[in-house]
C-alpha atoms as a PDB file:
ATOM      1  CA  MET A   1     123.750 115.704 149.441  1.00  0.00           C
ATOM      2  CA  ALA A   2     126.263 112.752 148.610  1.00  0.00           C
ATOM      3  CA  PHE A   3     128.042 111.837 146.131  1.00  0.00           C
ATOM      4  CA  GLY A   4     127.288 108.325 146.884  1.00  0.00           C
ATOM      5  CA  SER A   5     123.749 108.826 146.649  1.00  0.00           C
ATOM      6  CA  LEU A   6     123.868 111.066 143.798  1.00  0.00           C
ATOM      7  CA  SER A   7     125.290 108.218 141.964  1.00  0.00           C
ATOM      8  CA  ALA A   8     122.922 106.088 142.632  1.00  0.00           C
ATOM      9  CA  ALA A   9     119.978 108.508 141.193  1.00  0.00           C
ATOM     10  CA  TRP A  10     122.511 108.944 138.501  1.00  0.00           C
ATOM     11  CA  ARG A  11     122.443 104.947 137.629  1.00  0.00           C
ATOM     12  CA  ALA A  12     118.776 104.429 138.550  1.00  0.00           C
ATOM     13  CA  GLY A  13     118.034 107.722 136.239  1.00  0.00           C
ATOM     14  CA  LEU A  14     119.739 105.936 133.018  1.00  0.00           C
ATOM     15  CA  LEU A  15     118.105 102.791 133.918  1.00  0.00           C
ATOM     16  CA  LEU A  16     114.623 104.110 133.282  1.00  0.00           C
ATOM     17  CA  LEU A  17     116.326 106.333 130.672  1.00  0.00           C
ATOM     18  CA  GLY A  18     117.195 103.330 128.711  1.00  0.00           C
ATOM     19  CA  LEU A  19     114.156 101.093 129.455  1.00  0.00           C
ATOM     20  CA  ALA A  20     112.205 103.764 128.028  1.00  0.00           C
ATOM     21  CA  THR A  21     114.594 103.763 125.279  1.00  0.00           C
ATOM     22  CA  ALA A  22     114.359 100.731 124.471  1.00  0.00           C
ATOM     23  CA  MET A  23     110.579 100.093 124.949  1.00  0.00           C
ATOM     24  CA  ALA A  24     109.866 103.440 122.384  1.00  0.00           C
ATOM     25  CA  ALA A  25     112.016 101.235 120.196  1.00  0.00           C
ATOM     26  CA  ASP A  26     110.306  97.840 120.323  1.00  0.00           C
ATOM     27  CA  PRO A  27     109.633  96.817 116.350  1.00  0.00           C
ATOM     28  CA  SER A  28     106.646  94.379 117.710  1.00  0.00           C
ATOM     29  CA  ASP A  29     104.991  97.631 118.524  1.00  0.00           C
ATOM     30  CA  ALA A  30     102.639  98.442 115.588  1.00  0.00           C
ATOM     31  CA  ALA A  31     101.936 101.787 116.692  1.00  0.00           C
ATOM     32  CA  ALA A  32     105.878 102.719 116.420  1.00  0.00           C
ATOM     33  CA  ARG A  33     105.879 102.407 112.683  1.00  0.00           C
ATOM     34  CA  THR A  34     104.189 101.982 109.532  1.00  0.00           C
ATOM     35  CA  LEU A  35     103.674  99.127 107.939  1.00  0.00           C
ATOM     36  CA  ARG A  36     104.518  98.726 103.883  1.00  0.00           C
ATOM     37  CA  LEU A  37     102.319  96.751 101.220  1.00  0.00           C
ATOM     38  CA  VAL A  38     102.650  96.332  98.088  1.00  0.00           C
ATOM     39  CA  ALA A  39     100.078  95.433  95.385  1.00  0.00           C
ATOM     40  CA  PHE A  40     101.629  93.493  92.848  1.00  0.00           C
ATOM     41  CA  GLY A  41      99.540  92.007  89.941  1.00  0.00           C
ATOM     42  CA  ASP A  42      98.361  93.764  86.461  1.00  0.00           C
ATOM     43  CA  SER A  43      95.322  95.292  85.744  1.00  0.00           C
ATOM     44  CA  LEU A  44      92.224  94.183  88.066  1.00  0.00           C
ATOM     45  CA  SER A  45      94.954  95.319  90.938  1.00  0.00           C
ATOM     46  CA  ALA A  46      96.183  98.905  89.279  1.00  0.00           C
ATOM     47  CA  GLY A  47      92.529 100.059  88.671  1.00  0.00           C
ATOM     48  CA  TYR A  48      92.167  99.546  84.810  1.00  0.00           C
ATOM     49  CA  GLN A  49      90.483 103.149  83.729  1.00  0.00           C
ATOM     50  CA  LEU A  50      89.980 103.711  87.288  1.00  0.00           C
ATOM     51  CA  ALA A  51      90.480 107.038  88.949  1.00  0.00           C
ATOM     52  CA  GLN A  52      93.601 106.237  91.063  1.00  0.00           C
ATOM     53  CA  ASN A  53      91.367 106.680  94.727  1.00  0.00           C
ATOM     54  CA  ASP A  54      88.903 103.918  93.007  1.00  0.00           C
ATOM     55  CA  ALA A  55      91.619 101.619  92.118  1.00  0.00           C
ATOM     56  CA  PHE A  56      92.437  98.724  94.767  1.00  0.00           C
ATOM     57  CA  PRO A  57      95.331  99.507  96.267  1.00  0.00           C
ATOM     58  CA  SER A  58      94.221 102.850  97.356  1.00  0.00           C
ATOM     59  CA  ARG A  59      90.665 101.619  98.494  1.00  0.00           C
ATOM     60  CA  LEU A  60      92.542  98.979 100.576  1.00  0.00           C
ATOM     61  CA  GLU A  61      94.577 101.424 102.166  1.00  0.00           C
ATOM     62  CA  ALA A  62      91.720 103.964 103.305  1.00  0.00           C
ATOM     63  CA  ALA A  63      89.454 100.625 104.393  1.00  0.00           C
ATOM     64  CA  LEU A  64      92.158  99.295 106.918  1.00  0.00           C
ATOM     65  CA  LYS A  65      93.355 102.782 108.073  1.00  0.00           C
ATOM     66  CA  ALA A  66      89.743 102.860 109.207  1.00  0.00           C
ATOM     67  CA  ARG A  67      90.522 100.461 110.850  1.00  0.00           C
ATOM     68  CA  GLY A  68      92.905 101.831 112.823  1.00  0.00           C
ATOM     69  CA  HIS A  69      96.086 100.012 110.735  1.00  0.00           C
ATOM     70  CA  ASN A  70      99.131 102.492 110.539  1.00  0.00           C
ATOM     71  CA  VAL A  71      99.746 101.703 107.026  1.00  0.00           C
ATOM     72  CA  VAL A  72     100.836 102.794 103.410  1.00  0.00           C
ATOM     73  CA  ILE A  73      99.937 100.468 100.101  1.00  0.00           C
ATOM     74  CA  GLU A  74     101.757 100.969  96.960  1.00  0.00           C
ATOM     75  CA  ASN A  75     100.580 100.103  93.544  1.00  0.00           C
ATOM     76  CA  ALA A  76     102.889  98.262  91.788  1.00  0.00           C
ATOM     77  CA  SER A  77     100.470  96.571  89.278  1.00  0.00           C
ATOM     78  CA  VAL A  78     100.891  97.042  85.718  1.00  0.00           C
ATOM     79  CA  SER A  79      97.811  95.838  83.121  1.00  0.00           C
ATOM     80  CA  GLY A  80      98.578  93.107  80.793  1.00  0.00           C
ATOM     81  CA  ASP A  81     101.172  91.631  82.973  1.00  0.00           C
ATOM     82  CA  THR A  82     101.364  88.354  83.051  1.00  0.00           C
ATOM     83  CA  ALA A  83     103.285  85.740  86.154  1.00  0.00           C
ATOM     84  CA  SER A  84     106.052  86.346  84.425  1.00  0.00           C
ATOM     85  CA  GLY A  85     106.330  89.887  82.886  1.00  0.00           C
ATOM     86  CA  GLY A  86     105.602  90.552  87.021  1.00  0.00           C
ATOM     87  CA  LEU A  87     109.758  88.108  87.691  1.00  0.00           C
ATOM     88  CA  GLU A  88     111.253  90.050  84.868  1.00  0.00           C
ATOM     89  CA  ARG A  89     110.183  93.608  87.162  1.00  0.00           C
ATOM     90  CA  LEU A  90     110.517  91.808  90.230  1.00  0.00           C
ATOM     91  CA  ASP A  91     113.671  93.209  91.471  1.00  0.00           C
ATOM     92  CA  TRP A  92     113.404  96.799  91.152  1.00  0.00           C
ATOM     93  CA  GLY A  93     109.433  96.759  91.213  1.00  0.00           C
ATOM     94  CA  VAL A  94     109.447  95.944  95.649  1.00  0.00           C
ATOM     95  CA  ALA A  95     111.719  98.209  97.231  1.00  0.00           C
ATOM     96  CA  GLU A  96     113.475  95.701 100.240  1.00  0.00           C
ATOM     97  CA  ASP A  97     111.752  97.663 103.361  1.00  0.00           C
ATOM     98  CA  THR A  98     108.463  96.767 101.788  1.00  0.00           C
ATOM     99  CA  ASP A  99     106.265  94.396 105.185  1.00  0.00           C
ATOM    100  CA  LEU A 100     103.619  92.819 102.548  1.00  0.00           C
ATOM    101  CA  VAL A 101     103.536  92.004  99.149  1.00  0.00           C
ATOM    102  CA  ILE A 102      99.562  91.482  98.018  1.00  0.00           C
ATOM    103  CA  LEU A 103     100.752  88.529  95.351  1.00  0.00           C
ATOM    104  CA  GLU A 104      97.444  88.916  92.526  1.00  0.00           C
ATOM    105  CA  LEU A 105      99.365  87.823  89.142  1.00  0.00           C
ATOM    106  CA  GLY A 106      97.800  84.762  86.818  1.00  0.00           C
ATOM    107  CA  ALA A 107      94.808  86.475  84.910  1.00  0.00           C
ATOM    108  CA  ASN A 108      96.243  86.913  81.924  1.00  0.00           C
ATOM    109  CA  ASP A 109      97.993  84.111  81.195  1.00  0.00           C
ATOM    110  CA  ALA A 110      94.473  82.388  81.538  1.00  0.00           C
ATOM    111  CA  LEU A 111      93.195  84.941  79.054  1.00  0.00           C
ATOM    112  CA  ARG A 112      95.551  84.091  76.590  1.00  0.00           C
ATOM    113  CA  GLY A 113      95.851  80.032  77.899  1.00  0.00           C
ATOM    114  CA  ILE A 114      99.450  80.295  78.729  1.00  0.00           C
ATOM    115  CA  ASP A 115     100.689  76.929  80.221  1.00  0.00           C
ATOM    116  CA  PRO A 116      99.531  77.026  83.682  1.00  0.00           C
ATOM    117  CA  ARG A 117     103.265  75.385  84.882  1.00  0.00           C
ATOM    118  CA  ILE A 118     104.458  78.037  83.020  1.00  0.00           C
ATOM    119  CA  THR A 119     102.848  80.267  85.653  1.00  0.00           C
ATOM    120  CA  GLU A 120     102.994  78.184  88.908  1.00  0.00           C
ATOM    121  CA  GLN A 121     107.018  78.467  87.798  1.00  0.00           C
ATOM    122  CA  ALA A 122     107.216  82.435  87.613  1.00  0.00           C
ATOM    123  CA  LEU A 123     104.718  82.535  90.872  1.00  0.00           C
ATOM    124  CA  ASP A 124     106.994  80.292  92.450  1.00  0.00           C
ATOM    125  CA  GLU A 125     110.192  82.520  92.227  1.00  0.00           C
ATOM    126  CA  ILE A 126     108.408  85.137  93.100  1.00  0.00           C
ATOM    127  CA  ILE A 127     107.059  84.038  96.037  1.00  0.00           C
ATOM    128  CA  THR A 128     110.550  81.704  96.782  1.00  0.00           C
ATOM    129  CA  LYS A 129     112.427  85.890  96.122  1.00  0.00           C
ATOM    130  CA  LEU A 130     109.966  88.332  98.106  1.00  0.00           C
ATOM    131  CA  ARG A 131     110.848  85.369 101.314  1.00  0.00           C
ATOM    132  CA  SER A 132     114.054  84.876 100.742  1.00  0.00           C
ATOM    133  CA  ARG A 133     113.982  89.034 101.250  1.00  0.00           C
ATOM    134  CA  ASN A 134     111.777  88.543 104.296  1.00  0.00           C
ATOM    135  CA  ILE A 135     108.847  90.242 103.114  1.00  0.00           C
ATOM    136  CA  GLN A 136     105.435  88.669 104.167  1.00  0.00           C
ATOM    137  CA  VAL A 137     103.118  87.636 100.753  1.00  0.00           C
ATOM    138  CA  LEU A 138      99.673  87.132 100.710  1.00  0.00           C
ATOM    139  CA  LEU A 139      98.707  85.473  97.575  1.00  0.00           C
ATOM    140  CA  ALA A 140      95.558  86.362  95.590  1.00  0.00           C
ATOM    141  CA  GLY A 141      94.355  83.337  93.628  1.00  0.00           C
ATOM    142  CA  MET A 142      92.957  83.608  90.034  1.00  0.00           C
ATOM    143  CA  MET A 143      90.584  80.918  87.891  1.00  0.00           C
ATOM    144  CA  ALA A 144      90.505  80.325  84.601  1.00  0.00           C
ATOM    145  CA  PRO A 145      87.608  81.392  82.415  1.00  0.00           C
ATOM    146  CA  ARG A 146      85.752  78.114  82.025  1.00  0.00           C
ATOM    147  CA  ASN A 147      85.682  78.122  78.145  1.00  0.00           C
ATOM    148  CA  ASN A 148      89.384  77.014  78.249  1.00  0.00           C
ATOM    149  CA  GLY A 149      88.282  73.751  78.712  1.00  0.00           C
ATOM    150  CA  PRO A 150      88.568  70.982  81.737  1.00  0.00           C
ATOM    151  CA  ASP A 151      91.767  70.171  81.478  1.00  0.00           C
ATOM    152  CA  TYR A 152      93.486  73.393  81.805  1.00  0.00           C
ATOM    153  CA  VAL A 153      90.570  75.161  84.358  1.00  0.00           C
ATOM    154  CA  ALA A 154      91.426  72.326  86.642  1.00  0.00           C
ATOM    155  CA  ALA A 155      95.437  72.301  86.228  1.00  0.00           C
ATOM    156  CA  PHE A 156      95.221  76.472  86.318  1.00  0.00           C
ATOM    157  CA  ASP A 157      92.598  76.846  89.160  1.00  0.00           C
ATOM    158  CA  ALA A 158      95.513  74.313  91.081  1.00  0.00           C
ATOM    159  CA  ILE A 159      98.131  76.366  90.864  1.00  0.00           C
ATOM    160  CA  TYR A 160      97.098  78.633  94.318  1.00  0.00           C
ATOM    161  CA  PRO A 161      96.308  76.661  96.624  1.00  0.00           C
ATOM    162  CA  ARG A 162      99.617  74.346  96.094  1.00  0.00           C
ATOM    163  CA  LEU A 163     101.374  77.400  95.806  1.00  0.00           C
ATOM    164  CA  ALA A 164      99.948  78.835  98.936  1.00  0.00           C
ATOM    165  CA  GLU A 165     101.066  75.461 101.363  1.00  0.00           C
ATOM    166  CA  ARG A 166     104.281  74.603  99.188  1.00  0.00           C
ATOM    167  CA  HIS A 167     105.507  77.689 101.237  1.00  0.00           C
ATOM    168  CA  GLY A 168     103.579  78.018 104.209  1.00  0.00           C
ATOM    169  CA  ILE A 169     101.602  81.777 102.917  1.00  0.00           C
ATOM    170  CA  PRO A 170      98.132  83.137 103.116  1.00  0.00           C
ATOM    171  CA  LEU A 171      95.610  82.590 100.048  1.00  0.00           C
ATOM    172  CA  TYR A 172      92.210  84.475  99.272  1.00  0.00           C
ATOM    173  CA  PRO A 173      90.997  81.978  97.079  1.00  0.00           C
ATOM    174  CA  PHE A 174      89.525  84.164  94.306  1.00  0.00           C
ATOM    175  CA  PHE A 175      90.581  88.330  94.467  1.00  0.00           C
ATOM    176  CA  LEU A 176      87.329  88.747  91.431  1.00  0.00           C
ATOM    177  CA  ASP A 177      84.840  86.348  94.473  1.00  0.00           C
ATOM    178  CA  GLY A 178      81.375  88.691  94.100  1.00  0.00           C
ATOM    179  CA  VAL A 179      81.956  90.656  91.025  1.00  0.00           C
ATOM    180  CA  GLN A 180      83.440  88.239  88.483  1.00  0.00           C
ATOM    181  CA  GLY A 181      80.161  88.460  86.294  1.00  0.00           C
ATOM    182  CA  ARG A 182      78.314  91.139  87.494  1.00  0.00           C
ATOM    183  CA  ALA A 183      77.566  93.350  84.726  1.00  0.00           C
ATOM    184  CA  ASP A 184      76.785  96.372  87.997  1.00  0.00           C
ATOM    185  CA  LEU A 185      79.810  95.134  89.529  1.00  0.00           C
ATOM    186  CA  ASN A 186      82.637  95.634  86.137  1.00  0.00           C
ATOM    187  CA  LEU A 187      83.354  97.871  83.109  1.00  0.00           C
ATOM    188  CA  ALA A 188      81.805  97.976  79.743  1.00  0.00           C
ATOM    189  CA  ASP A 189      84.144  94.762  79.014  1.00  0.00           C
ATOM    190  CA  GLY A 190      82.705  92.688  81.106  1.00  0.00           C
ATOM    191  CA  ILE A 191      86.048  91.948  82.643  1.00  0.00           C
ATOM    192  CA  HIS A 192      87.911  94.879  85.264  1.00  0.00           C
ATOM    193  CA  PRO A 193      85.551  96.101  88.411  1.00  0.00           C
ATOM    194  CA  ASN A 194      84.480  99.354  88.884  1.00  0.00           C
ATOM    195  CA  PRO A 195      84.964 101.374  92.255  1.00  0.00           C
ATOM    196  CA  SER A 196      81.085  99.612  93.266  1.00  0.00           C
ATOM    197  CA  GLY A 197      83.397  96.418  92.813  1.00  0.00           C
ATOM    198  CA  VAL A 198      86.710  97.560  93.718  1.00  0.00           C
ATOM    199  CA  ARG A 199      84.555  98.389  96.885  1.00  0.00           C
ATOM    200  CA  VAL A 200      83.315  94.660  97.221  1.00  0.00           C
ATOM    201  CA  ILE A 201      86.918  93.325  96.589  1.00  0.00           C
ATOM    202  CA  VAL A 202      88.368  94.883  99.462  1.00  0.00           C
ATOM    203  CA  GLU A 203      85.229  94.572 101.392  1.00  0.00           C
ATOM    204  CA  ARG A 204      85.968  90.819 100.938  1.00  0.00           C
ATOM    205  CA  ILE A 205      89.724  90.502 101.531  1.00  0.00           C
ATOM    206  CA  LEU A 206      89.685  92.731 104.468  1.00  0.00           C
ATOM    207  CA  PRO A 207      89.566  89.786 106.908  1.00  0.00           C
ATOM    208  CA  VAL A 208      92.044  87.764 105.647  1.00  0.00           C
ATOM    209  CA  VAL A 209      94.450  91.164 104.534  1.00  0.00           C
ATOM    210  CA  GLU A 210      94.019  92.215 108.273  1.00  0.00           C
ATOM    211  CA  LYS A 211      94.932  88.430 110.058  1.00  0.00           C
ATOM    212  CA  THR A 212      97.976  88.670 107.584  1.00  0.00           C
ATOM    213  CA  LEU A 213      99.125  91.886 109.569  1.00  0.00           C
ATOM    214  CA  ALA A 214      98.659  90.639 112.921  1.00  0.00           C
ATOM    215  CA  ALA A 215     101.018  87.519 112.151  1.00  0.00           C
ATOM    216  CA  LEU A 216     103.473  89.844 110.228  1.00  0.00           C
ATOM    217  CA  PRO A 217     107.045  89.172 112.324  1.00  0.00           C
ATOM    218  CA  ALA A 218     109.010  91.965 113.788  1.00  0.00           C
ATOM    219  CA  ARG A 219     111.272  93.503 111.430  1.00  0.00           C
END
């Protein structure tokens, strides 16, 4: 083979190798890397009095993997946390390589009758900080106990749709949808979901999580 032909073949080989490398490194290829999610909330998502594999993050991870998603979900929820408490631990509680945070905070604020303006401000700052780090947020809404009075209920319940619209992020309107008030789906305290309740939560939020994952930008 002449030197010129060898050179042409070598160049062609390098081109093919470069194309293959570029395709393999394409961050938009969902199969090329594991998506990292963080459940950032309170006892409702932490798995209060439940085995680790029965907690919301573990159940959701298993459900997503069963549907072909390459994900891991970190349980960064703390029982008893308020929105302000979540803000205080945010910087060290969510790793830099996180793709999506499922933000579930506010239930303890409502139970304690904290001013909804304080709750909203804390959640707003959490979302702002996460988005500044190019981390997407799925906001899990909460509803105030109805015995807090109509004014409090109206002010509190409006927090989540308003924040979702303000920041242009997806909203799951009520984290306990289908579970609240069901004795068969809650622990004896009537507040925290039991394993069956967690399964209902996962089943209902799963389509919203999948839609959010599908819309994630390449990192």
